PDB file of N, CA and C in Angstrom:
ATOM      1  N   MET A   1       0.885  -1.152   0.009  1.00  0.00           N
ATOM      2  CA  MET A   1       0.242   0.017  -0.003  1.00  0.00           C
ATOM      3  C   MET A   1       1.106   1.113  -0.126  1.00  0.00           C
ATOM      4  N   ASP A   2       0.762   2.016  -0.928  1.00  0.00           N
ATOM      5  CA  ASP A   2       1.455   3.237  -1.069  1.00  0.00           C
ATOM      6  C   ASP A   2       1.233   4.451  -0.235  1.00  0.00           C
ATOM      7  N   ARG A   3      -0.073   4.414  -0.212  1.00  0.00           N
ATOM      8  CA  ARG A   3      -0.621   5.521   0.680  1.00  0.00           C
ATOM      9  C   ARG A   3      -1.575   4.903   1.724  1.00  0.00           C
ATOM     10  N   TYR A   4      -1.344   5.062   2.934  1.00  0.00           N
ATOM     11  CA  TYR A   4      -2.445   4.552   3.931  1.00  0.00           C
ATOM     12  C   TYR A   4      -3.547   5.530   4.120  1.00  0.00           C
ATOM     13  N   THR A   5      -4.677   5.081   4.270  1.00  0.00           N
ATOM     14  CA  THR A   5      -5.861   6.046   4.864  1.00  0.00           C
ATOM     15  C   THR A   5      -6.002   6.478   6.150  1.00  0.00           C
ATOM     16  N   ILE A   6      -6.831   7.327   6.244  1.00  0.00           N
ATOM     17  CA  ILE A   6      -7.110   7.792   7.566  1.00  0.00           C
ATOM     18  C   ILE A   6      -7.734   6.900   8.352  1.00  0.00           C
ATOM     19  N   SER A   7      -8.475   6.171   7.993  1.00  0.00           N
ATOM     20  CA  SER A   7      -9.327   4.950   8.650  1.00  0.00           C
ATOM     21  C   SER A   7      -8.265   4.031   8.966  1.00  0.00           C
ATOM     22  N   TYR A   8      -7.254   3.310   8.395  1.00  0.00           N
ATOM     23  CA  TYR A   8      -5.980   2.686   8.827  1.00  0.00           C
ATOM     24  C   TYR A   8      -5.368   3.203   9.752  1.00  0.00           C
ATOM     25  N   ALA A   9      -4.912   4.521   9.526  1.00  0.00           N
ATOM     26  CA  ALA A   9      -4.034   5.312  10.430  1.00  0.00           C
ATOM     27  C   ALA A   9      -5.006   5.384  11.943  1.00  0.00           C
ATOM     28  N   THR A  10      -5.921   5.532  12.054  1.00  0.00           N
ATOM     29  CA  THR A  10      -6.685   5.644  13.298  1.00  0.00           C
ATOM     30  C   THR A  10      -6.683   4.360  13.823  1.00  0.00           C
ATOM     31  N   GLU A  11      -6.984   3.155  13.222  1.00  0.00           N
ATOM     32  CA  GLU A  11      -6.942   1.941  13.734  1.00  0.00           C
ATOM     33  C   GLU A  11      -5.587   1.640  14.351  1.00  0.00           C
ATOM     34  N   ALA A  12      -4.502   1.692  13.539  1.00  0.00           N
ATOM     35  CA  ALA A  12      -3.267   1.380  13.978  1.00  0.00           C
ATOM     36  C   ALA A  12      -2.898   2.219  15.300  1.00  0.00           C
ATOM     37  N   LEU A  13      -3.368   3.552  15.349  1.00  0.00           N
ATOM     38  CA  LEU A  13      -2.854   4.287  16.518  1.00  0.00           C
ATOM     39  C   LEU A  13      -3.568   3.898  17.673  1.00  0.00           C
ATOM     40  N   GLU A  14      -5.095   3.520  17.621  1.00  0.00           N
ATOM     41  CA  GLU A  14      -5.655   3.097  18.672  1.00  0.00           C
ATOM     42  C   GLU A  14      -5.210   1.736  19.058  1.00  0.00           C
ATOM     43  N   GLU A  15      -4.835   0.718  18.286  1.00  0.00           N
ATOM     44  CA  GLU A  15      -4.128  -0.401  18.720  1.00  0.00           C
ATOM     45  C   GLU A  15      -2.930  -0.186  19.416  1.00  0.00           C
ATOM     46  N   LEU A  16      -2.090   0.759  18.960  1.00  0.00           N
ATOM     47  CA  LEU A  16      -0.778   1.161  19.567  1.00  0.00           C
ATOM     48  C   LEU A  16      -1.016   1.890  20.836  1.00  0.00           C
ATOM     49  N   HIS A  17      -1.954   2.649  20.949  1.00  0.00           N
ATOM     50  CA  HIS A  17      -2.317   3.384  22.253  1.00  0.00           C
ATOM     51  C   HIS A  17      -2.683   2.488  23.228  1.00  0.00           C
ATOM     52  N   GLN A  18      -3.710   1.262  23.203  1.00  0.00           N
ATOM     53  CA  GLN A  18      -4.153   0.285  23.949  1.00  0.00           C
ATOM     54  C   GLN A  18      -2.721  -0.578  24.275  1.00  0.00           C
ATOM     55  N   ALA A  19      -1.944  -0.941  23.374  1.00  0.00           N
ATOM     56  CA  ALA A  19      -0.905  -1.596  23.667  1.00  0.00           C
ATOM     57  C   ALA A  19       0.215  -0.836  24.530  1.00  0.00           C
ATOM     58  N   LEU A  20       0.565   0.363  24.329  1.00  0.00           N
ATOM     59  CA  LEU A  20       1.170   1.173  25.107  1.00  0.00           C
ATOM     60  C   LEU A  20       0.621   1.209  26.778  1.00  0.00           C
ATOM     61  N   ILE A  21      -0.638   1.592  27.004  1.00  0.00           N
ATOM     62  CA  ILE A  21      -1.205   1.223  28.074  1.00  0.00           C
ATOM     63  C   ILE A  21      -0.998   0.205  28.986  1.00  0.00           C
ATOM     64  N   ALA A  22      -0.928  -0.790  28.364  1.00  0.00           N
ATOM     65  CA  ALA A  22      -0.495  -2.060  29.047  1.00  0.00           C
ATOM     66  C   ALA A  22       1.148  -1.990  29.369  1.00  0.00           C
ATOM     67  N   ALA A  23       1.666  -1.774  28.222  1.00  0.00           N
ATOM     68  CA  ALA A  23       3.156  -1.360  28.644  1.00  0.00           C
ATOM     69  C   ALA A  23       3.504  -0.529  29.702  1.00  0.00           C
ATOM     70  N   TYR A  24       2.779   0.534  29.824  1.00  0.00           N
ATOM     71  CA  TYR A  24       3.101   1.686  30.795  1.00  0.00           C
ATOM     72  C   TYR A  24       2.942   1.114  32.296  1.00  0.00           C
ATOM     73  N   TRP A  25       1.833  -0.049  32.600  1.00  0.00           N
ATOM     74  CA  TRP A  25       1.613  -0.449  33.926  1.00  0.00           C
ATOM     75  C   TRP A  25       2.390  -1.782  34.235  1.00  0.00           C
ATOM     76  N   ASP A  26       2.912  -2.372  32.915  1.00  0.00           N
ATOM     77  CA  ASP A  26       4.065  -3.523  33.156  1.00  0.00           C
ATOM     78  C   ASP A  26       5.261  -2.901  33.595  1.00  0.00           C
ATOM     79  N   SER A  27       5.636  -1.856  33.071  1.00  0.00           N
ATOM     80  CA  SER A  27       7.243  -1.203  33.299  1.00  0.00           C
ATOM     81  C   SER A  27       7.101  -1.093  34.677  1.00  0.00           C
ATOM     82  N   ASN A  28       8.652  -1.398  35.293  1.00  0.00           N
ATOM     83  CA  ASN A  28       8.821  -1.277  36.789  1.00  0.00           C
ATOM     84  C   ASN A  28       9.907   0.123  36.718  1.00  0.00           C
ATOM     85  N   CYS A  29      10.192   0.632  35.647  1.00  0.00           N
ATOM     86  CA  CYS A  29      11.289   1.489  35.389  1.00  0.00           C
ATOM     87  C   CYS A  29      10.817   2.900  35.048  1.00  0.00           C
ATOM     88  N   VAL A  30      11.096   3.891  35.993  1.00  0.00           N
ATOM     89  CA  VAL A  30      10.592   5.237  35.999  1.00  0.00           C
ATOM     90  C   VAL A  30      10.956   5.787  34.528  1.00  0.00           C
ATOM     91  N   SER A  31      12.083   5.657  33.852  1.00  0.00           N
ATOM     92  CA  SER A  31      12.555   6.095  32.822  1.00  0.00           C
ATOM     93  C   SER A  31      11.760   5.712  31.612  1.00  0.00           C
ATOM     94  N   ARG A  32      11.628   4.136  31.740  1.00  0.00           N
ATOM     95  CA  ARG A  32      10.789   3.533  30.714  1.00  0.00           C
ATOM     96  C   ARG A  32       9.345   3.831  30.733  1.00  0.00           C
ATOM     97  N   LYS A  33       8.768   3.996  32.000  1.00  0.00           N
ATOM     98  CA  LYS A  33       7.382   4.654  32.127  1.00  0.00           C
ATOM     99  C   LYS A  33       7.292   6.168  31.445  1.00  0.00           C
ATOM    100  N   ASP A  34       8.537   6.819  31.552  1.00  0.00           N
ATOM    101  CA  ASP A  34       8.160   8.143  30.995  1.00  0.00           C
ATOM    102  C   ASP A  34       8.287   7.981  29.413  1.00  0.00           C
ATOM    103  N   THR A  35       9.194   7.361  29.021  1.00  0.00           N
ATOM    104  CA  THR A  35       9.236   7.090  27.561  1.00  0.00           C
ATOM    105  C   THR A  35       7.999   6.647  27.148  1.00  0.00           C
ATOM    106  N   VAL A  36       7.253   5.546  27.608  1.00  0.00           N
ATOM    107  CA  VAL A  36       5.986   5.010  27.102  1.00  0.00           C
ATOM    108  C   VAL A  36       4.920   6.312  27.228  1.00  0.00           C
ATOM    109  N   PHE A  37       4.683   7.107  28.471  1.00  0.00           N
ATOM    110  CA  PHE A  37       3.919   8.041  28.616  1.00  0.00           C
ATOM    111  C   PHE A  37       4.290   9.297  27.497  1.00  0.00           C
ATOM    112  N   ASP A  38       5.287   9.482  27.122  1.00  0.00           N
ATOM    113  CA  ASP A  38       5.652  10.662  26.288  1.00  0.00           C
ATOM    114  C   ASP A  38       5.138  10.143  24.886  1.00  0.00           C
ATOM    115  N   ILE A  39       5.173   8.732  24.542  1.00  0.00           N
ATOM    116  CA  ILE A  39       4.620   8.618  23.036  1.00  0.00           C
ATOM    117  C   ILE A  39       3.226   8.159  23.311  1.00  0.00           C
ATOM    118  N   LEU A  40       2.555   7.788  24.543  1.00  0.00           N
ATOM    119  CA  LEU A  40       1.161   7.621  24.746  1.00  0.00           C
ATOM    120  C   LEU A  40       0.359   9.163  24.638  1.00  0.00           C
ATOM    121  N   SER A  41       1.157  10.060  25.134  1.00  0.00           N
ATOM    122  CA  SER A  41       0.559  11.366  25.078  1.00  0.00           C
ATOM    123  C   SER A  41       0.550  11.892  23.562  1.00  0.00           C
ATOM    124  N   THR A  42       1.389  11.895  22.989  1.00  0.00           N
ATOM    125  CA  THR A  42       1.655  12.163  21.555  1.00  0.00           C
ATOM    126  C   THR A  42       0.465  11.453  20.496  1.00  0.00           C
ATOM    127  N   ILE A  43       0.487  10.056  20.844  1.00  0.00           N
ATOM    128  CA  ILE A  43      -0.721   9.531  20.169  1.00  0.00           C
ATOM    129  C   ILE A  43      -1.946   9.944  20.377  1.00  0.00           C
ATOM    130  N   SER A  44      -2.068  10.070  21.727  1.00  0.00           N
ATOM    131  CA  SER A  44      -3.296  10.668  21.874  1.00  0.00           C
ATOM    132  C   SER A  44      -3.778  11.864  21.444  1.00  0.00           C
ATOM    133  N   ALA A  45      -2.732  12.947  21.112  1.00  0.00           N
ATOM    134  CA  ALA A  45      -3.189  14.166  20.684  1.00  0.00           C
ATOM    135  C   ALA A  45      -3.286  13.944  19.096  1.00  0.00           C
ATOM    136  N   GLU A  46      -2.517  13.042  18.343  1.00  0.00           N
ATOM    137  CA  GLU A  46      -3.086  12.564  17.277  1.00  0.00           C
ATOM    138  C   GLU A  46      -4.224  11.991  17.021  1.00  0.00           C
ATOM    139  N   LEU A  47      -4.760  11.139  17.846  1.00  0.00           N
ATOM    140  CA  LEU A  47      -6.000  10.430  17.528  1.00  0.00           C
ATOM    141  C   LEU A  47      -7.107  11.657  17.888  1.00  0.00           C
ATOM    142  N   SER A  48      -6.840  12.504  18.764  1.00  0.00           N
ATOM    143  CA  SER A  48      -7.713  13.664  19.113  1.00  0.00           C
ATOM    144  C   SER A  48      -8.053  14.437  17.686  1.00  0.00           C
ATOM    145  N   GLU A  49      -6.775  14.626  17.161  1.00  0.00           N
ATOM    146  CA  GLU A  49      -7.136  15.485  15.780  1.00  0.00           C
ATOM    147  C   GLU A  49      -7.637  14.563  14.827  1.00  0.00           C
ATOM    148  N   LEU A  50      -7.303  13.564  14.654  1.00  0.00           N
ATOM    149  CA  LEU A  50      -8.008  12.478  13.664  1.00  0.00           C
ATOM    150  C   LEU A  50      -9.358  12.490  13.709  1.00  0.00           C
ATOM    151  N   ALA A  51     -10.025  12.529  15.232  1.00  0.00           N
ATOM    152  CA  ALA A  51     -11.221  12.343  15.643  1.00  0.00           C
ATOM    153  C   ALA A  51     -12.061  13.631  15.218  1.00  0.00           C
ATOM    154  N   LYS A  52     -11.474  14.611  14.969  1.00  0.00           N
ATOM    155  CA  LYS A  52     -12.257  15.843  14.535  1.00  0.00           C
ATOM    156  C   LYS A  52     -12.659  15.929  13.125  1.00  0.00           C
ATOM    157  N   LEU A  53     -12.041  14.867  12.266  1.00  0.00           N
ATOM    158  CA  LEU A  53     -12.527  14.852  10.936  1.00  0.00           C
ATOM    159  C   LEU A  53     -13.650  14.097  10.648  1.00  0.00           C
ATOM    160  N   SER A  54     -14.448  14.280   9.517  1.00  0.00           N
ATOM    161  CA  SER A  54     -15.384  13.965   9.161  1.00  0.00           C
ATOM    162  C   SER A  54     -15.417  12.365   8.726  1.00  0.00           C
ATOM    163  N   ILE A  55     -16.317  11.462   8.792  1.00  0.00           N
ATOM    164  CA  ILE A  55     -16.274  10.219   8.662  1.00  0.00           C
ATOM    165  C   ILE A  55     -16.220  10.243   6.969  1.00  0.00           C
ATOM    166  N   GLU A  56     -16.408  11.033   6.218  1.00  0.00           N
ATOM    167  CA  GLU A  56     -16.322  10.957   4.815  1.00  0.00           C
ATOM    168  C   GLU A  56     -14.768  11.081   4.541  1.00  0.00           C
ATOM    169  N   ASP A  57     -13.998  11.594   5.269  1.00  0.00           N
ATOM    170  CA  ASP A  57     -12.465  11.804   5.352  1.00  0.00           C
ATOM    171  C   ASP A  57     -11.734  10.726   5.279  1.00  0.00           C
ATOM    172  N   HIS A  58     -12.369   9.678   6.063  1.00  0.00           N
ATOM    173  CA  HIS A  58     -11.541   8.360   6.229  1.00  0.00           C
ATOM    174  C   HIS A  58     -10.958   7.644   5.392  1.00  0.00           C
ATOM    175  N   ASN A  59     -11.383   7.862   4.012  1.00  0.00           N
ATOM    176  CA  ASN A  59     -10.901   7.194   2.909  1.00  0.00           C
ATOM    177  C   ASN A  59      -9.743   7.872   2.408  1.00  0.00           C
ATOM    178  N   MET A  60      -9.560   9.013   2.612  1.00  0.00           N
ATOM    179  CA  MET A  60      -8.582   9.962   2.218  1.00  0.00           C
ATOM    180  C   MET A  60      -7.014   9.424   2.719  1.00  0.00           C
ATOM    181  N   GLY A  61      -5.968   9.930   2.010  1.00  0.00           N
ATOM    182  CA  GLY A  61      -4.684   9.434   2.476  1.00  0.00           C
ATOM    183  C   GLY A  61      -4.330  10.182   3.530  1.00  0.00           C
ATOM    184  N   TYR A  62      -3.586   9.458   4.483  1.00  0.00           N
ATOM    185  CA  TYR A  62      -3.300   9.746   6.017  1.00  0.00           C
ATOM    186  C   TYR A  62      -1.960  10.557   5.860  1.00  0.00           C
ATOM    187  N   GLU A  63      -1.910  11.602   6.422  1.00  0.00           N
ATOM    188  CA  GLU A  63      -0.661  12.473   6.629  1.00  0.00           C
ATOM    189  C   GLU A  63      -0.704  13.021   8.522  1.00  0.00           C
ATOM    190  N   PRO A  64       0.329  13.004   9.110  1.00  0.00           N
ATOM    191  CA  PRO A  64       0.289  13.262  10.464  1.00  0.00           C
ATOM    192  C   PRO A  64      -0.368  14.627  10.621  1.00  0.00           C
ATOM    193  N   VAL A  65      -1.202  14.799  11.443  1.00  0.00           N
ATOM    194  CA  VAL A  65      -1.685  15.929  11.746  1.00  0.00           C
ATOM    195  C   VAL A  65      -1.433  16.800  13.107  1.00  0.00           C
ATOM    196  N   SER A  66      -0.942  16.139  14.088  1.00  0.00           N
ATOM    197  CA  SER A  66      -0.237  17.117  15.007  1.00  0.00           C
ATOM    198  C   SER A  66       1.055  17.134  14.886  1.00  0.00           C
ATOM    199  N   VAL A  67       1.690  18.205  15.493  1.00  0.00           N
ATOM    200  CA  VAL A  67       3.205  18.730  15.096  1.00  0.00           C
ATOM    201  C   VAL A  67       4.106  17.836  15.587  1.00  0.00           C
ATOM    202  N   HIS A  68       3.772  17.007  16.837  1.00  0.00           N
ATOM    203  CA  HIS A  68       4.794  16.367  17.526  1.00  0.00           C
ATOM    204  C   HIS A  68       4.881  14.850  17.155  1.00  0.00           C
ATOM    205  N   PHE A  69       3.638  14.383  16.374  1.00  0.00           N
ATOM    206  CA  PHE A  69       3.687  12.892  16.005  1.00  0.00           C
ATOM    207  C   PHE A  69       4.735  12.566  15.225  1.00  0.00           C
ATOM    208  N   PRO A  70       5.392  13.212  14.098  1.00  0.00           N
ATOM    209  CA  PRO A  70       6.406  12.873  13.365  1.00  0.00           C
ATOM    210  C   PRO A  70       7.791  12.801  14.117  1.00  0.00           C
ATOM    211  N   GLU A  71       7.763  14.045  15.361  1.00  0.00           N
ATOM    212  CA  GLU A  71       8.934  13.748  16.097  1.00  0.00           C
ATOM    213  C   GLU A  71       9.050  12.610  16.955  1.00  0.00           C
ATOM    214  N   CYS A  72       7.758  12.247  17.335  1.00  0.00           N
ATOM    215  CA  CYS A  72       7.807  10.949  18.145  1.00  0.00           C
ATOM    216  C   CYS A  72       8.309   9.560  17.586  1.00  0.00           C
ATOM    217  N   ALA A  73       8.319   9.644  16.143  1.00  0.00           N
ATOM    218  CA  ALA A  73       8.900   8.217  15.527  1.00  0.00           C
ATOM    219  C   ALA A  73      10.054   7.953  15.948  1.00  0.00           C
ATOM    220  N   ARG A  74      10.903   8.811  16.463  1.00  0.00           N
ATOM    221  CA  ARG A  74      12.440   8.199  16.862  1.00  0.00           C
ATOM    222  C   ARG A  74      12.282   7.463  18.104  1.00  0.00           C
ATOM    223  N   LYS A  75      11.525   8.278  19.024  1.00  0.00           N
ATOM    224  CA  LYS A  75      11.105   7.404  20.182  1.00  0.00           C
ATOM    225  C   LYS A  75      10.293   5.939  19.999  1.00  0.00           C
ATOM    226  N   ILE A  76       9.324   5.964  19.143  1.00  0.00           N
ATOM    227  CA  ILE A  76       8.833   4.836  18.826  1.00  0.00           C
ATOM    228  C   ILE A  76       9.658   3.830  18.300  1.00  0.00           C
ATOM    229  N   LYS A  77      10.567   4.099  17.486  1.00  0.00           N
ATOM    230  CA  LYS A  77      11.757   3.055  16.950  1.00  0.00           C
ATOM    231  C   LYS A  77      12.602   2.603  18.048  1.00  0.00           C
ATOM    232  N   GLN A  78      12.908   3.576  18.982  1.00  0.00           N
ATOM    233  CA  GLN A  78      13.569   3.196  20.128  1.00  0.00           C
ATOM    234  C   GLN A  78      13.035   1.969  21.137  1.00  0.00           C
ATOM    235  N   LEU A  79      11.622   2.233  21.436  1.00  0.00           N
ATOM    236  CA  LEU A  79      10.901   1.524  22.116  1.00  0.00           C
ATOM    237  C   LEU A  79      10.883  -0.070  21.266  1.00  0.00           C
ATOM    238  N   GLN A  80      10.487   0.199  20.122  1.00  0.00           N
ATOM    239  CA  GLN A  80      10.602  -1.106  19.163  1.00  0.00           C
ATOM    240  C   GLN A  80      11.703  -1.802  19.590  1.00  0.00           C
ATOM    241  N   ASN A  81      13.040  -1.109  19.363  1.00  0.00           N
ATOM    242  CA  ASN A  81      14.154  -2.229  19.458  1.00  0.00           C
ATOM    243  C   ASN A  81      14.449  -2.439  20.979  1.00  0.00           C
ATOM    244  N   HIS A  82      13.731  -2.054  21.932  1.00  0.00           N
ATOM    245  CA  HIS A  82      13.918  -2.645  23.456  1.00  0.00           C
ATOM    246  C   HIS A  82      12.912  -3.338  23.808  1.00  0.00           C
ATOM    247  N   ILE A  83      11.939  -3.854  23.081  1.00  0.00           N
ATOM    248  CA  ILE A  83      10.486  -4.218  23.624  1.00  0.00           C
ATOM    249  C   ILE A  83      10.766  -5.807  24.508  1.00  0.00           C
ATOM    250  N   ASP A  84      11.586  -6.326  23.810  1.00  0.00           N
ATOM    251  CA  ASP A  84      11.946  -7.573  24.730  1.00  0.00           C
ATOM    252  C   ASP A  84      12.670  -7.521  25.910  1.00  0.00           C
ATOM    253  N   GLU A  85      13.542  -6.537  26.043  1.00  0.00           N
ATOM    254  CA  GLU A  85      14.392  -6.147  27.194  1.00  0.00           C
ATOM    255  C   GLU A  85      13.578  -5.378  28.406  1.00  0.00           C
ATOM    256  N   TRP A  86      12.803  -4.485  28.029  1.00  0.00           N
ATOM    257  CA  TRP A  86      11.962  -3.782  28.769  1.00  0.00           C
ATOM    258  C   TRP A  86      10.470  -4.366  29.200  1.00  0.00           C
ATOM    259  N   PHE A  87      10.171  -5.235  28.479  1.00  0.00           N
ATOM    260  CA  PHE A  87       8.779  -5.823  28.855  1.00  0.00           C
ATOM    261  C   PHE A  87       8.686  -7.515  29.175  1.00  0.00           C
ATOM    262  N   ALA A  88       8.502  -7.942  30.194  1.00  0.00           N
ATOM    263  CA  ALA A  88       8.903  -9.226  30.598  1.00  0.00           C
ATOM    264  C   ALA A  88       7.367  -9.961  30.219  1.00  0.00           C
ATOM    265  N   ARG A  89       6.262  -9.681  30.125  1.00  0.00           N
ATOM    266  CA  ARG A  89       5.103 -10.143  29.634  1.00  0.00           C
ATOM    267  C   ARG A  89       5.147 -10.434  28.050  1.00  0.00           C
ATOM    268  N   THR A  90       4.814 -11.609  27.805  1.00  0.00           N
ATOM    269  CA  THR A  90       4.796 -12.066  26.501  1.00  0.00           C
ATOM    270  C   THR A  90       3.504 -11.355  25.748  1.00  0.00           C
ATOM    271  N   GLU A  91       2.583 -11.246  26.510  1.00  0.00           N
ATOM    272  CA  GLU A  91       1.099 -10.608  25.868  1.00  0.00           C
ATOM    273  C   GLU A  91       1.609  -9.313  25.513  1.00  0.00           C
ATOM    274  N   THR A  92       2.206  -8.410  26.366  1.00  0.00           N
ATOM    275  CA  THR A  92       2.606  -6.986  25.967  1.00  0.00           C
ATOM    276  C   THR A  92       3.575  -6.913  25.234  1.00  0.00           C
ATOM    277  N   ALA A  93       4.580  -7.443  25.151  1.00  0.00           N
ATOM    278  CA  ALA A  93       5.535  -7.552  24.097  1.00  0.00           C
ATOM    279  C   ALA A  93       5.168  -7.767  22.671  1.00  0.00           C
ATOM    280  N   GLN A  94       4.261  -8.969  22.676  1.00  0.00           N
ATOM    281  CA  GLN A  94       3.775  -9.287  21.255  1.00  0.00           C
ATOM    282  C   GLN A  94       2.902  -8.076  20.770  1.00  0.00           C
ATOM    283  N   LYS A  95       2.092  -7.514  21.763  1.00  0.00           N
ATOM    284  CA  LYS A  95       1.035  -6.371  21.240  1.00  0.00           C
ATOM    285  C   LYS A  95       1.689  -5.360  20.916  1.00  0.00           C
ATOM    286  N   LEU A  96       2.987  -5.106  21.511  1.00  0.00           N
ATOM    287  CA  LEU A  96       3.608  -3.945  21.042  1.00  0.00           C
ATOM    288  C   LEU A  96       4.209  -4.101  19.924  1.00  0.00           C
ATOM    289  N   HIS A  97       5.244  -5.129  19.604  1.00  0.00           N
ATOM    290  CA  HIS A  97       5.538  -5.516  18.274  1.00  0.00           C
ATOM    291  C   HIS A  97       4.685  -5.461  17.140  1.00  0.00           C
ATOM    292  N   THR A  98       3.462  -6.052  17.150  1.00  0.00           N
ATOM    293  CA  THR A  98       2.521  -5.965  16.133  1.00  0.00           C
ATOM    294  C   THR A  98       1.927  -4.511  15.834  1.00  0.00           C
ATOM    295  N   SER A  99       1.658  -3.656  16.990  1.00  0.00           N
ATOM    296  CA  SER A  99       1.299  -2.534  16.637  1.00  0.00           C
ATOM    297  C   SER A  99       2.163  -1.461  16.370  1.00  0.00           C
ATOM    298  N   ILE A 100       3.237  -1.471  16.892  1.00  0.00           N
ATOM    299  CA  ILE A 100       4.471  -0.480  16.588  1.00  0.00           C
ATOM    300  C   ILE A 100       5.034  -0.703  14.875  1.00  0.00           C
ATOM    301  N   SER A 101       4.804  -2.051  14.574  1.00  0.00           N
ATOM    302  CA  SER A 101       5.281  -2.214  13.157  1.00  0.00           C
ATOM    303  C   SER A 101       4.312  -1.513  12.164  1.00  0.00           C
ATOM    304  N   ASN A 102       2.824  -1.584  12.538  1.00  0.00           N
ATOM    305  CA  ASN A 102       1.985  -0.810  11.804  1.00  0.00           C
ATOM    306  C   ASN A 102       2.088   0.523  11.851  1.00  0.00           C
ATOM    307  N   VAL A 103       2.252   0.955  13.072  1.00  0.00           N
ATOM    308  CA  VAL A 103       2.446   3.040  13.141  1.00  0.00           C
ATOM    309  C   VAL A 103       3.752   3.375  12.399  1.00  0.00           C
ATOM    310  N   ILE A 104       4.677   2.567  12.483  1.00  0.00           N
ATOM    311  CA  ILE A 104       6.194   2.499  12.162  1.00  0.00           C
ATOM    312  C   ILE A 104       5.587   2.753  10.260  1.00  0.00           C
ATOM    313  N   ASN A 105       5.016   1.854   9.985  1.00  0.00           N
ATOM    314  CA  ASN A 105       4.963   2.226   8.430  1.00  0.00           C
ATOM    315  C   ASN A 105       3.998   3.483   8.000  1.00  0.00           C
ATOM    316  N   LEU A 106       3.354   3.991   9.059  1.00  0.00           N
ATOM    317  CA  LEU A 106       2.772   5.309   8.835  1.00  0.00           C
ATOM    318  C   LEU A 106       3.902   6.372   8.595  1.00  0.00           C
ATOM    319  N   THR A 107       4.832   6.197   9.374  1.00  0.00           N
ATOM    320  CA  THR A 107       5.824   7.379   9.252  1.00  0.00           C
ATOM    321  C   THR A 107       6.966   6.904   8.670  1.00  0.00           C
ATOM    322  N   ALA A 108       7.229   5.800   8.239  1.00  0.00           N
ATOM    323  CA  ALA A 108       8.691   5.223   7.789  1.00  0.00           C
ATOM    324  C   ALA A 108       9.185   6.369   6.724  1.00  0.00           C
ATOM    325  N   SER A 109       8.287   6.541   5.652  1.00  0.00           N
ATOM    326  CA  SER A 109       8.738   7.077   4.447  1.00  0.00           C
ATOM    327  C   SER A 109       9.250   8.372   4.475  1.00  0.00           C
ATOM    328  N   LYS A 110       8.610   9.274   5.423  1.00  0.00           N
ATOM    329  CA  LYS A 110       8.769  10.864   5.572  1.00  0.00           C
ATOM    330  C   LYS A 110       9.590  10.954   6.682  1.00  0.00           C
ATOM    331  N   PHE A 111       9.535  10.130   7.947  1.00  0.00           N
ATOM    332  CA  PHE A 111      10.047  10.841   9.218  1.00  0.00           C
ATOM    333  C   PHE A 111      11.210   9.808   9.792  1.00  0.00           C
ATOM    334  N   LEU A 112      11.547   8.838   9.336  1.00  0.00           N
ATOM    335  CA  LEU A 112      12.400   7.969   9.943  1.00  0.00           C
ATOM    336  C   LEU A 112      13.580   7.759   9.133  1.00  0.00           C
TER     337      LEU A 112
END
């Protein structure tokens, strides 16, 4: 898929948001919690902006709406590289691997 739709982006971001909530509570290190919380906050802002769009717009091509989401791509990639080290629960790690891969695809061509 050359260009992702707003609908796909919204679903991918919501999936990552849920996985990050679990990761936040599974983490026992304050610096890791800070990283996860920072990404969560940025994704929440992006989802909030996407929610303002009309349902008719959901088939249009996706481009990041919030200013900070493209900047967050580096932290998402960092998290992706450390999932197995940072999160002991298999379910949390698996959800993060899957959902991060989908979101990285949204930003990969322009921002990473």
